[in-house]
Amino acid sequence: MNAICIISARGGSKGVPYKNIQKLGNKPLIAHSIETAKNSKLFKHVIVSTDDKKIASIAKKYGAYVPFMRPKKLALDSTPLESVLVYTVKKLKSMKLDFDTFMIKDCTVPFIDEKDMQGAMRLFKKSNCDGVFAAIRAHPNPYFGMMEIDSKGYLQISKSLKQNITRRQNAPVVYAIDGLYILKVDRFLKTSKIFMSKTLPYEITKAHGHMIDFPIDFKLAECLNDLKKNS
């Protein structure tokens, strides 16, 4: 198995402007993912896909390979990740890069560590599956503690079962997919889909799966980073 890691980091970000290169601790956010991927020893290359020259420069400084700039049309708010990956994988193949497997690492989930990556890759290697996704147990759970509005505007439980769920621990396990995906190149290019029928979860902790979408998430990440340094 020849694996590469692809980190997607566009310049435009609405929730936290330029969040991919904002400092978390003493280094840019993207650096955490680059260094973790390199330290895992799983990949021939750690590649950053970006449309932004500043992000590209910082990525190179921390040891990532940035072989080309992503077209601006693939760096819009509305651009699906699948479109970015199809372009990236085909471009890398046209450059004669040798790989049959790739991991997508979201740099806005900085606490996924080397052991998470290694464990997910072990699961992928030993399983006859289409993909492995990092996953955290969802809380609240759509079977207990989450509601939606019905056709009359009233609240109702999002998902119901025949038996009444009276405590969270009795609800079916539901996963939030978070920050890391492993796929086979040939299967992905055949479907152009990240999520395929035989996809397995690799469970990570809620702390490792902390995602930065809004300014408050960055504040919490700073607290988590301080705890990590002092543990």
C-alpha atoms as a PDB file:
ATOM      1  CA  MET A   1       0.000   0.000   0.000  1.00  0.00           C
ATOM      2  CA  ASN A   2       1.362   3.387  -1.062  1.00  0.00           C
ATOM      3  CA  ALA A   3      -0.431   6.108   0.868  1.00  0.00           C
ATOM      4  CA  ILE A   4      -0.358   9.888   0.769  1.00  0.00           C
ATOM      5  CA  CYS A   5      -2.037  12.448   3.007  1.00  0.00           C
ATOM      6  CA  ILE A   6      -3.985  15.317   1.449  1.00  0.00           C
ATOM      7  CA  ILE A   7      -4.727  18.412   3.534  1.00  0.00           C
ATOM      8  CA  SER A   8      -7.226  20.774   1.929  1.00  0.00           C
ATOM      9  CA  ALA A   9      -6.839  24.425   2.993  1.00  0.00           C
ATOM     10  CA  ARG A  10      -8.433  27.179   0.972  1.00  0.00           C
ATOM     11  CA  GLY A  11      -7.805  30.846   1.651  1.00  0.00           C
ATOM     12  CA  GLY A  12     -11.419  31.930   2.087  1.00  0.00           C
ATOM     13  CA  SER A  13     -13.085  31.141   5.410  1.00  0.00           C
ATOM     14  CA  LYS A  14     -16.242  32.843   6.621  1.00  0.00           C
ATOM     15  CA  GLY A  15     -16.556  31.529  10.205  1.00  0.00           C
ATOM     16  CA  VAL A  16     -12.972  32.320  11.250  1.00  0.00           C
ATOM     17  CA  PRO A  17     -11.155  34.401   8.584  1.00  0.00           C
ATOM     18  CA  TYR A  18      -7.879  32.791   7.488  1.00  0.00           C
ATOM     19  CA  LYS A  19      -8.372  30.175  10.210  1.00  0.00           C
ATOM     20  CA  ASN A  20      -6.053  27.655   8.509  1.00  0.00           C
ATOM     21  CA  ILE A  21      -3.026  29.792   9.368  1.00  0.00           C
ATOM     22  CA  GLN A  22      -4.184  31.422  12.597  1.00  0.00           C
ATOM     23  CA  LYS A  23      -1.882  30.575  15.493  1.00  0.00           C
ATOM     24  CA  LEU A  24      -2.863  27.726  17.803  1.00  0.00           C
ATOM     25  CA  GLY A  25      -0.227  27.678  20.500  1.00  0.00           C
ATOM     26  CA  ASN A  26       3.038  28.686  18.897  1.00  0.00           C
ATOM     27  CA  LYS A  27       2.319  27.627  15.306  1.00  0.00           C
ATOM     28  CA  PRO A  28      -0.288  28.023  12.549  1.00  0.00           C
ATOM     29  CA  LEU A  29      -3.310  25.745  12.677  1.00  0.00           C
ATOM     30  CA  ILE A  30      -2.342  23.922   9.491  1.00  0.00           C
ATOM     31  CA  ALA A  31       1.093  23.107  10.930  1.00  0.00           C
ATOM     32  CA  HIS A  32      -0.472  20.827  13.556  1.00  0.00           C
ATOM     33  CA  SER A  33      -1.958  18.573  10.862  1.00  0.00           C
ATOM     34  CA  ILE A  34       1.178  18.622   8.710  1.00  0.00           C
ATOM     35  CA  GLU A  35       3.443  17.654  11.596  1.00  0.00           C
ATOM     36  CA  THR A  36       1.077  14.951  12.865  1.00  0.00           C
ATOM     37  CA  ALA A  37       0.827  13.405   9.393  1.00  0.00           C
ATOM     38  CA  LYS A  38       4.603  13.426   8.983  1.00  0.00           C
ATOM     39  CA  ASN A  39       5.180  12.017  12.470  1.00  0.00           C
ATOM     40  CA  SER A  40       2.773   9.130  11.803  1.00  0.00           C
ATOM     41  CA  LYS A  41       5.294   7.667   9.295  1.00  0.00           C
ATOM     42  CA  LEU A  42       2.385   6.445   7.162  1.00  0.00           C
ATOM     43  CA  PHE A  43       2.817   8.572   4.058  1.00  0.00           C
ATOM     44  CA  LYS A  44       5.208   8.988   1.153  1.00  0.00           C
ATOM     45  CA  HIS A  45       4.013  12.581   0.831  1.00  0.00           C
ATOM     46  CA  VAL A  46       1.979  15.028   2.909  1.00  0.00           C
ATOM     47  CA  ILE A  47       0.321  17.259   0.328  1.00  0.00           C
ATOM     48  CA  VAL A  48      -1.475  20.551   0.860  1.00  0.00           C
ATOM     49  CA  SER A  49      -4.118  21.571  -1.672  1.00  0.00           C
ATOM     50  CA  THR A  50      -4.651  25.325  -1.556  1.00  0.00           C
ATOM     51  CA  ASP A  51      -5.485  28.309  -3.751  1.00  0.00           C
ATOM     52  CA  ASP A  52      -3.638  30.722  -1.449  1.00  0.00           C
ATOM     53  CA  LYS A  53       0.057  31.622  -1.782  1.00  0.00           C
ATOM     54  CA  LYS A  54       0.418  32.537   1.887  1.00  0.00           C
ATOM     55  CA  ILE A  55      -0.988  29.177   3.009  1.00  0.00           C
ATOM     56  CA  ALA A  56       1.254  27.423   0.472  1.00  0.00           C
ATOM     57  CA  SER A  57       4.335  29.180   1.818  1.00  0.00           C
ATOM     58  CA  ILE A  58       3.543  28.274   5.436  1.00  0.00           C
ATOM     59  CA  ALA A  59       2.717  24.679   4.466  1.00  0.00           C
ATOM     60  CA  LYS A  60       6.094  24.299   2.753  1.00  0.00           C
ATOM     61  CA  LYS A  61       7.851  25.769   5.791  1.00  0.00           C
ATOM     62  CA  TYR A  62       6.429  22.955   7.937  1.00  0.00           C
ATOM     63  CA  GLY A  63       7.403  20.227   5.497  1.00  0.00           C
ATOM     64  CA  ALA A  64       4.352  19.739   3.291  1.00  0.00           C
ATOM     65  CA  TYR A  65       4.554  19.215  -0.463  1.00  0.00           C
ATOM     66  CA  VAL A  66       2.599  21.832  -2.471  1.00  0.00           C
ATOM     67  CA  PRO A  67       3.102  20.739  -6.084  1.00  0.00           C
ATOM     68  CA  PHE A  68       0.500  23.075  -7.622  1.00  0.00           C
ATOM     69  CA  MET A  69      -2.024  25.773  -6.742  1.00  0.00           C
ATOM     70  CA  ARG A  70      -5.696  24.902  -6.713  1.00  0.00           C
ATOM     71  CA  PRO A  71      -7.857  26.794  -9.260  1.00  0.00           C
ATOM     72  CA  LYS A  72      -9.978  29.541  -7.697  1.00  0.00           C
ATOM     73  CA  LYS A  73     -13.150  27.920  -9.036  1.00  0.00           C
ATOM     74  CA  LEU A  74     -12.388  24.981  -6.717  1.00  0.00           C
ATOM     75  CA  ALA A  75     -11.947  27.216  -3.667  1.00  0.00           C
ATOM     76  CA  LEU A  76     -15.439  28.691  -3.309  1.00  0.00           C
ATOM     77  CA  ASP A  77     -17.800  28.368  -0.343  1.00  0.00           C
ATOM     78  CA  SER A  78     -20.008  26.178  -2.521  1.00  0.00           C
ATOM     79  CA  THR A  79     -17.249  23.872  -3.826  1.00  0.00           C
ATOM     80  CA  PRO A  80     -17.830  20.244  -2.765  1.00  0.00           C
ATOM     81  CA  LEU A  81     -14.823  18.487  -1.222  1.00  0.00           C
ATOM     82  CA  GLU A  82     -15.277  15.665  -3.755  1.00  0.00           C
ATOM     83  CA  SER A  83     -14.604  18.081  -6.627  1.00  0.00           C
ATOM     84  CA  VAL A  84     -11.413  19.299  -4.960  1.00  0.00           C
ATOM     85  CA  LEU A  85     -10.227  15.739  -4.396  1.00  0.00           C
ATOM     86  CA  VAL A  86     -11.008  14.510  -7.911  1.00  0.00           C
ATOM     87  CA  TYR A  87      -8.966  17.397  -9.303  1.00  0.00           C
ATOM     88  CA  THR A  88      -6.132  16.864  -6.797  1.00  0.00           C
ATOM     89  CA  VAL A  89      -5.866  13.098  -7.230  1.00  0.00           C
ATOM     90  CA  LYS A  90      -5.979  13.293 -11.044  1.00  0.00           C
ATOM     91  CA  LYS A  91      -3.415  16.105 -11.069  1.00  0.00           C
ATOM     92  CA  LEU A  92      -1.055  14.135  -8.813  1.00  0.00           C
ATOM     93  CA  LYS A  93      -1.466  11.041 -10.989  1.00  0.00           C
ATOM     94  CA  SER A  94      -0.663  13.109 -14.092  1.00  0.00           C
ATOM     95  CA  MET A  95       2.576  14.120 -12.332  1.00  0.00           C
ATOM     96  CA  LYS A  96       3.428  10.397 -12.001  1.00  0.00           C
ATOM     97  CA  LEU A  97       3.099  10.372  -8.215  1.00  0.00           C
ATOM     98  CA  ASP A  98       2.825   6.731  -7.125  1.00  0.00           C
ATOM     99  CA  PHE A  99       0.025   6.105  -4.615  1.00  0.00           C
ATOM    100  CA  ASP A 100      -3.013   3.833  -4.350  1.00  0.00           C
ATOM    101  CA  THR A 101      -4.487   5.080  -1.067  1.00  0.00           C
ATOM    102  CA  PHE A 102      -5.034   8.537   0.356  1.00  0.00           C
ATOM    103  CA  MET A 103      -6.009   9.999   3.695  1.00  0.00           C
ATOM    104  CA  ILE A 104      -7.854  13.308   3.805  1.00  0.00           C
ATOM    105  CA  LYS A 105      -6.934  15.265   6.924  1.00  0.00           C
ATOM    106  CA  ASP A 106      -8.975  18.335   7.840  1.00  0.00           C
ATOM    107  CA  CYS A 107      -6.641  20.912   9.356  1.00  0.00           C
ATOM    108  CA  THR A 108      -9.549  22.436  11.315  1.00  0.00           C
ATOM    109  CA  VAL A 109      -9.510  19.306  13.519  1.00  0.00           C
ATOM    110  CA  PRO A 110      -5.987  19.766  14.916  1.00  0.00           C
ATOM    111  CA  PHE A 111      -6.039  17.261  17.788  1.00  0.00           C
ATOM    112  CA  ILE A 112      -6.361  14.102  15.707  1.00  0.00           C
ATOM    113  CA  ASP A 113      -2.961  12.610  16.484  1.00  0.00           C
ATOM    114  CA  GLU A 114      -0.497  10.070  15.102  1.00  0.00           C
ATOM    115  CA  LYS A 115      -2.121   7.185  16.999  1.00  0.00           C
ATOM    116  CA  ASP A 116      -5.540   8.069  15.580  1.00  0.00           C
ATOM    117  CA  MET A 117      -4.079   8.076  12.064  1.00  0.00           C
ATOM    118  CA  GLN A 118      -2.228   4.810  12.601  1.00  0.00           C
ATOM    119  CA  GLY A 119      -5.269   3.097  14.117  1.00  0.00           C
ATOM    120  CA  ALA A 120      -7.540   4.211  11.297  1.00  0.00           C
ATOM    121  CA  MET A 121      -5.020   2.990   8.729  1.00  0.00           C
ATOM    122  CA  ARG A 122      -4.718  -0.406  10.456  1.00  0.00           C
ATOM    123  CA  LEU A 123      -8.497  -0.789  10.301  1.00  0.00           C
ATOM    124  CA  PHE A 124      -8.499   0.162   6.626  1.00  0.00           C
ATOM    125  CA  LYS A 125      -5.753  -2.323   5.754  1.00  0.00           C
ATOM    126  CA  LYS A 126      -7.368  -5.299   7.476  1.00  0.00           C
ATOM    127  CA  SER A 127     -10.922  -4.646   6.258  1.00  0.00           C
ATOM    128  CA  ASN A 128     -12.524  -5.194   2.897  1.00  0.00           C
ATOM    129  CA  CYS A 129     -14.110  -1.766   2.902  1.00  0.00           C
ATOM    130  CA  ASP A 130     -14.474   1.288   0.667  1.00  0.00           C
ATOM    131  CA  GLY A 131     -13.306   3.730   3.302  1.00  0.00           C
ATOM    132  CA  VAL A 132     -12.612   4.488   6.953  1.00  0.00           C
ATOM    133  CA  PHE A 133     -13.806   7.700   8.592  1.00  0.00           C
ATOM    134  CA  ALA A 134     -12.775   9.120  11.956  1.00  0.00           C
ATOM    135  CA  ALA A 135     -15.908   9.311  14.097  1.00  0.00           C
ATOM    136  CA  ILE A 136     -16.975  10.596  17.490  1.00  0.00           C
ATOM    137  CA  ARG A 137     -20.068   9.446  19.353  1.00  0.00           C
ATOM    138  CA  ALA A 138     -22.696  12.105  18.782  1.00  0.00           C
ATOM    139  CA  HIS A 139     -24.032  13.967  21.798  1.00  0.00           C
ATOM    140  CA  PRO A 140     -26.739  15.075  21.785  1.00  0.00           C
ATOM    141  CA  ASN A 141     -28.213  12.102  19.973  1.00  0.00           C
ATOM    142  CA  PRO A 142     -31.029  12.370  17.379  1.00  0.00           C
ATOM    143  CA  TYR A 143     -32.862   9.565  19.225  1.00  0.00           C
ATOM    144  CA  PHE A 144     -32.623  11.444  22.529  1.00  0.00           C
ATOM    145  CA  GLY A 145     -32.096  15.154  23.119  1.00  0.00           C
ATOM    146  CA  MET A 146     -32.439  16.469  19.563  1.00  0.00           C
ATOM    147  CA  MET A 147     -35.651  17.797  18.048  1.00  0.00           C
ATOM    148  CA  GLU A 148     -36.908  19.193  14.763  1.00  0.00           C
ATOM    149  CA  ILE A 149     -40.033  21.088  13.721  1.00  0.00           C
ATOM    150  CA  ASP A 150     -42.944  19.170  12.220  1.00  0.00           C
ATOM    151  CA  SER A 151     -45.314  20.359   9.465  1.00  0.00           C
ATOM    152  CA  LYS A 152     -47.374  22.312  12.049  1.00  0.00           C
ATOM    153  CA  GLY A 153     -44.348  24.052  13.537  1.00  0.00           C
ATOM    154  CA  TYR A 154     -44.196  21.968  16.721  1.00  0.00           C
ATOM    155  CA  LEU A 155     -41.117  20.258  18.126  1.00  0.00           C
ATOM    156  CA  GLN A 156     -40.751  16.509  17.783  1.00  0.00           C
ATOM    157  CA  ILE A 157     -37.925  14.051  18.452  1.00  0.00           C
ATOM    158  CA  SER A 158     -35.706  13.890  15.347  1.00  0.00           C
ATOM    159  CA  LYS A 159     -35.629  10.095  15.191  1.00  0.00           C
ATOM    160  CA  SER A 160     -38.043   7.800  17.014  1.00  0.00           C
ATOM    161  CA  LEU A 161     -38.155   4.082  17.737  1.00  0.00           C
ATOM    162  CA  LYS A 162     -41.001   1.726  18.660  1.00  0.00           C
ATOM    163  CA  GLN A 163     -39.792   1.680  22.242  1.00  0.00           C
ATOM    164  CA  ASN A 164     -39.532   4.933  24.159  1.00  0.00           C
ATOM    165  CA  ILE A 165     -35.942   6.042  24.875  1.00  0.00           C
ATOM    166  CA  THR A 166     -35.911   7.444  28.410  1.00  0.00           C
ATOM    167  CA  ARG A 167     -32.149   7.810  28.942  1.00  0.00           C
ATOM    168  CA  ARG A 168     -29.311   8.819  26.637  1.00  0.00           C
ATOM    169  CA  GLN A 169     -27.330   5.641  27.330  1.00  0.00           C
ATOM    170  CA  ASN A 170     -30.135   3.514  25.804  1.00  0.00           C
ATOM    171  CA  ALA A 171     -30.203   5.407  22.521  1.00  0.00           C
ATOM    172  CA  PRO A 172     -28.613   3.765  19.455  1.00  0.00           C
ATOM    173  CA  VAL A 173     -25.017   4.834  18.864  1.00  0.00           C
ATOM    174  CA  VAL A 174     -24.828   7.657  16.316  1.00  0.00           C
ATOM    175  CA  TYR A 175     -21.535   8.993  14.973  1.00  0.00           C
ATOM    176  CA  ALA A 176     -20.461  12.450  13.903  1.00  0.00           C
ATOM    177  CA  ILE A 177     -17.909  12.092  11.113  1.00  0.00           C
ATOM    178  CA  ASP A 178     -14.935  14.219  11.872  1.00  0.00           C
ATOM    179  CA  GLY A 179     -11.687  15.302  10.268  1.00  0.00           C
ATOM    180  CA  LEU A 180     -10.115  12.193   8.732  1.00  0.00           C
ATOM    181  CA  TYR A 181     -11.050   9.947   5.791  1.00  0.00           C
ATOM    182  CA  ILE A 182      -9.134   7.086   4.150  1.00  0.00           C
ATOM    183  CA  LEU A 183      -9.987   5.993   0.611  1.00  0.00           C
ATOM    184  CA  LYS A 184      -8.647   3.808  -2.188  1.00  0.00           C
ATOM    185  CA  VAL A 185      -7.753   5.826  -5.275  1.00  0.00           C
ATOM    186  CA  ASP A 186      -9.393   3.518  -7.817  1.00  0.00           C
ATOM    187  CA  ARG A 187     -12.683   3.248  -5.920  1.00  0.00           C
ATOM    188  CA  PHE A 188     -12.852   6.991  -5.344  1.00  0.00           C
ATOM    189  CA  LEU A 189     -12.149   7.896  -8.967  1.00  0.00           C
ATOM    190  CA  LYS A 190     -14.759   5.381 -10.100  1.00  0.00           C
ATOM    191  CA  THR A 191     -17.519   6.966  -7.992  1.00  0.00           C
ATOM    192  CA  SER A 192     -16.253  10.527  -7.265  1.00  0.00           C
ATOM    193  CA  LYS A 193     -17.818  10.038  -3.826  1.00  0.00           C
ATOM    194  CA  ILE A 194     -16.159  10.155  -0.413  1.00  0.00           C
ATOM    195  CA  PHE A 195     -18.975   8.215   1.248  1.00  0.00           C
ATOM    196  CA  MET A 196     -19.539   4.791  -0.265  1.00  0.00           C
ATOM    197  CA  SER A 197     -21.621   1.796   0.787  1.00  0.00           C
ATOM    198  CA  LYS A 198     -18.915  -0.078   2.738  1.00  0.00           C
ATOM    199  CA  THR A 199     -17.520   2.647   5.000  1.00  0.00           C
ATOM    200  CA  LEU A 200     -16.308   1.916   8.537  1.00  0.00           C
ATOM    201  CA  PRO A 201     -16.031   4.263  11.537  1.00  0.00           C
ATOM    202  CA  TYR A 202     -12.811   4.578  13.503  1.00  0.00           C
ATOM    203  CA  GLU A 203     -13.828   6.006  16.851  1.00  0.00           C
ATOM    204  CA  ILE A 204     -11.811   8.883  18.295  1.00  0.00           C
ATOM    205  CA  THR A 205     -12.386  10.903  21.447  1.00  0.00           C
ATOM    206  CA  LYS A 206     -14.465  14.063  21.552  1.00  0.00           C
ATOM    207  CA  ALA A 207     -11.360  16.047  22.496  1.00  0.00           C
ATOM    208  CA  HIS A 208      -9.391  14.715  19.524  1.00  0.00           C
ATOM    209  CA  GLY A 209     -12.372  15.407  17.268  1.00  0.00           C
ATOM    210  CA  HIS A 210     -12.804  19.044  18.296  1.00  0.00           C
ATOM    211  CA  MET A 211     -13.524  20.982  15.090  1.00  0.00           C
ATOM    212  CA  ILE A 212     -12.867  24.698  14.623  1.00  0.00           C
ATOM    213  CA  ASP A 213     -15.692  26.354  12.696  1.00  0.00           C
ATOM    214  CA  PHE A 214     -16.375  29.500  14.747  1.00  0.00           C
ATOM    215  CA  PRO A 215     -14.370  31.884  16.947  1.00  0.00           C
ATOM    216  CA  ILE A 216     -15.619  30.156  20.127  1.00  0.00           C
ATOM    217  CA  ASP A 217     -14.230  26.861  18.769  1.00  0.00           C
ATOM    218  CA  PHE A 218     -10.818  28.474  18.475  1.00  0.00           C
ATOM    219  CA  LYS A 219     -11.006  29.623  22.111  1.00  0.00           C
ATOM    220  CA  LEU A 220     -11.846  26.077  23.193  1.00  0.00           C
ATOM    221  CA  ALA A 221      -9.012  24.739  21.032  1.00  0.00           C
ATOM    222  CA  GLU A 222      -6.582  27.037  22.834  1.00  0.00           C
ATOM    223  CA  CYS A 223      -7.749  25.591  26.166  1.00  0.00           C
ATOM    224  CA  LEU A 224      -7.386  22.022  24.857  1.00  0.00           C
ATOM    225  CA  ASN A 225      -3.940  22.834  23.510  1.00  0.00           C
ATOM    226  CA  ASP A 226      -2.852  24.188  26.907  1.00  0.00           C
ATOM    227  CA  LEU A 227      -4.155  21.035  28.624  1.00  0.00           C
ATOM    228  CA  LYS A 228      -2.300  18.894  26.105  1.00  0.00           C
ATOM    229  CA  LYS A 229       0.989  20.753  26.749  1.00  0.00           C
ATOM    230  CA  ASN A 230       0.609  20.454  30.530  1.00  0.00           C
ATOM    231  CA  SER A 231      -0.483  16.802  30.652  1.00  0.00           C
END
